[in-house]
Amino acid sequence: MTYDQDWDRRLNPFRYNEDGSLTDAAKRQNVTMELNSAEGNGGGGAGSGGRQTSVHTATLTKAAKAVEELRGDTDKVDQHALSATDVASSGLHGWQTDDGLFRMHRRWAGEAVHLSTMLSEAYMKLHNTSVSYEQTDHAEKSRMDALDGGRS
């Protein structure tokens, strides 16, 4: 059983018989879904149904900018919290609570770095996807222009 099949079985147990095979209704649904995605009117290739995918790069860019701003704001808040914890820890030097506060400080710092890294990765993925689509669109437009707009 593939990962996708296992995942489907866990999420949709009603689609499967006790022996693990698809129910008749599930088989009919799969065939219907395949037919809906096969070549339809418009003559676009198999699976496209004659439609084109539309990606709004401005939306990707806006989302990337929002994630980058969130990361910056989060980093500022984390630094403020870590500084306050440092001050409290130095004020408790010699007390038993100092050790606990120090361990909490290290944990918080580790989690803050992890969150910042995740946000940076999300930003880069959004940004790179947007750039990739823009470059592909530009290359395709250039190719079409070279063919006189496809009217050869």
Protein backbone atom coordinates (compact mmCIF):
# COMPACT_ATOMS: atom_id res chain seq x y z
CA MET A 1 0.00 0.00 0.00
CA THR A 2 1.40 3.40 -0.95
CA TYR A 3 1.59 6.35 1.39
CA ASP A 4 -1.31 8.06 -0.42
CA GLN A 5 -3.46 4.95 -0.21
CA ASP A 6 -2.71 4.54 3.49
CA TRP A 7 -3.51 8.21 4.10
CA ASP A 8 -6.78 7.93 2.14
CA ARG A 9 -7.74 4.82 4.07
CA ARG A 10 -7.17 6.58 7.40
CA LEU A 11 -9.09 9.71 6.39
CA ASN A 12 -11.87 7.94 4.47
CA PRO A 13 -12.45 4.54 6.07
CA PHE A 14 -15.97 4.44 4.60
CA ARG A 15 -14.42 4.05 1.12
CA TYR A 16 -12.89 0.67 2.00
CA ASN A 17 -14.20 -2.83 2.62
CA GLU A 18 -13.01 -4.87 5.60
CA ASP A 19 -10.43 -6.60 3.39
CA GLY A 20 -8.88 -3.23 2.47
CA SER A 21 -10.24 -3.02 -1.08
CA LEU A 22 -12.22 -0.04 -2.35
CA THR A 23 -15.99 -0.23 -2.15
CA ASP A 24 -17.92 -0.24 -5.43
CA ALA A 25 -19.10 3.32 -4.76
CA ALA A 26 -15.51 4.47 -4.21
CA LYS A 27 -14.41 2.80 -7.47
CA ARG A 28 -17.18 4.61 -9.37
CA GLN A 29 -16.17 7.90 -7.72
CA ASN A 30 -12.53 7.39 -8.77
CA VAL A 31 -13.58 6.74 -12.38
CA THR A 32 -15.78 9.86 -12.35
CA MET A 33 -12.92 11.96 -11.00
CA GLU A 34 -10.58 10.60 -13.69
CA LEU A 35 -13.12 11.36 -16.41
CA ASN A 36 -13.60 14.89 -15.12
CA SER A 37 -9.88 15.52 -15.31
CA ALA A 38 -9.34 13.92 -18.71
CA GLU A 39 -9.23 15.89 -21.96
CA GLY A 40 -12.40 17.86 -22.23
CA ASN A 41 -13.68 20.60 -24.47
CA GLY A 42 -11.01 23.01 -25.50
CA GLY A 43 -8.55 20.29 -26.51
CA GLY A 44 -6.00 20.90 -23.77
CA GLY A 45 -3.96 17.65 -23.12
CA ALA A 46 -4.91 14.75 -20.99
CA GLY A 47 -5.63 15.75 -17.46
CA SER A 48 -5.92 19.46 -18.13
CA GLY A 49 -9.55 19.53 -19.23
CA GLY A 50 -8.59 22.36 -21.57
CA ARG A 51 -7.94 24.75 -18.69
CA GLN A 52 -4.77 26.53 -17.73
CA THR A 53 -3.46 26.99 -14.24
CA SER A 54 -3.46 30.57 -13.10
CA VAL A 55 -0.97 31.69 -10.47
CA HIS A 56 -1.14 35.22 -9.13
CA THR A 57 2.47 36.10 -8.39
CA ALA A 58 1.43 39.34 -6.72
CA THR A 59 -0.43 37.30 -4.10
CA LEU A 60 2.63 35.11 -3.53
CA THR A 61 4.81 38.20 -3.21
CA LYS A 62 2.36 39.81 -0.78
CA ALA A 63 2.26 36.63 1.34
CA ALA A 64 6.07 36.43 1.32
CA LYS A 65 6.32 40.04 2.48
CA ALA A 66 3.80 39.41 5.27
CA VAL A 67 5.73 36.35 6.46
CA GLU A 68 9.00 38.33 6.41
CA GLU A 69 7.40 41.15 8.43
CA LEU A 70 6.01 38.59 10.90
CA ARG A 71 9.48 37.07 11.28
CA GLY A 72 11.00 40.49 11.95
CA ASP A 73 8.32 41.38 14.51
CA THR A 74 8.65 37.98 16.18
CA ASP A 75 12.43 38.33 16.38
CA LYS A 76 12.05 41.74 18.07
CA VAL A 77 9.59 40.37 20.63
CA ASP A 78 11.83 37.38 21.30
CA GLN A 79 14.88 39.59 21.84
CA HIS A 80 12.92 41.77 24.26
CA ALA A 81 11.73 38.69 26.20
CA LEU A 82 15.24 37.22 26.29
CA SER A 83 16.70 40.53 27.53
CA ALA A 84 14.09 40.74 30.29
CA THR A 85 14.84 37.15 31.27
CA ASP A 86 18.57 37.97 31.41
CA VAL A 87 17.88 40.89 33.76
CA ALA A 88 15.65 38.73 35.98
CA SER A 89 18.20 35.91 36.00
CA SER A 90 21.04 38.22 37.03
CA GLY A 91 18.83 39.62 39.80
CA LEU A 92 18.22 36.11 41.10
CA HIS A 93 21.90 35.09 41.00
CA GLY A 94 22.58 32.69 43.84
CA TRP A 95 18.94 31.72 44.32
CA GLN A 96 17.58 28.30 43.34
CA THR A 97 15.15 29.88 40.88
CA ASP A 98 18.09 31.30 38.92
CA ASP A 99 18.91 27.84 37.52
CA GLY A 100 15.31 27.22 36.44
CA LEU A 101 15.07 30.63 34.83
CA PHE A 102 18.36 30.02 33.00
CA ARG A 103 17.05 26.70 31.61
CA MET A 104 13.80 28.39 30.56
CA HIS A 105 15.85 31.13 28.87
CA ARG A 106 17.83 28.56 26.85
CA ARG A 107 14.61 26.75 25.87
CA TRP A 108 12.92 29.99 24.82
CA ALA A 109 15.95 31.01 22.78
CA GLY A 110 15.98 27.63 21.01
CA GLU A 111 12.28 27.82 20.22
CA ALA A 112 12.64 31.41 18.99
CA VAL A 113 15.43 30.40 16.63
CA HIS A 114 13.35 27.46 15.39
CA LEU A 115 10.31 29.69 14.72
CA SER A 116 12.45 32.29 12.98
CA THR A 117 14.00 29.59 10.80
CA MET A 118 10.57 28.21 9.86
CA LEU A 119 9.33 31.68 8.93
CA SER A 120 12.47 32.35 6.88
CA GLU A 121 11.99 29.07 5.03
CA ALA A 122 8.34 29.90 4.33
CA TYR A 123 9.38 33.32 3.03
CA MET A 124 12.01 31.81 0.73
CA LYS A 125 9.60 29.22 -0.65
CA LEU A 126 6.95 31.83 -1.40
CA HIS A 127 9.50 34.21 -2.89
CA ASN A 128 11.20 31.52 -5.01
CA THR A 129 7.86 30.21 -6.27
CA SER A 130 6.79 33.70 -7.29
CA VAL A 131 10.08 34.37 -9.09
CA SER A 132 9.95 30.99 -10.82
CA TYR A 133 6.44 31.61 -12.15
CA GLU A 134 7.36 35.11 -13.27
CA GLN A 135 10.43 33.83 -15.12
CA THR A 136 8.45 31.00 -16.72
CA ASP A 137 5.71 33.41 -17.82
CA HIS A 138 8.30 35.78 -19.27
CA ALA A 139 10.08 32.96 -21.13
CA GLU A 140 6.78 31.67 -22.52
CA LYS A 141 5.72 35.17 -23.60
CA SER A 142 9.07 35.64 -25.34
CA ARG A 143 8.68 32.28 -27.07
CA MET A 144 5.17 33.18 -28.22
CA ASP A 145 6.31 36.62 -29.40
CA ALA A 146 9.07 34.94 -31.40
CA LEU A 147 6.37 32.85 -33.10
CA ASP A 148 4.45 36.05 -33.93
CA GLY A 149 1.92 35.47 -31.18
CA GLY A 150 1.39 31.87 -32.21
CA ARG A 151 -0.05 32.81 -35.64
CA SER A 152 2.50 31.00 -37.80
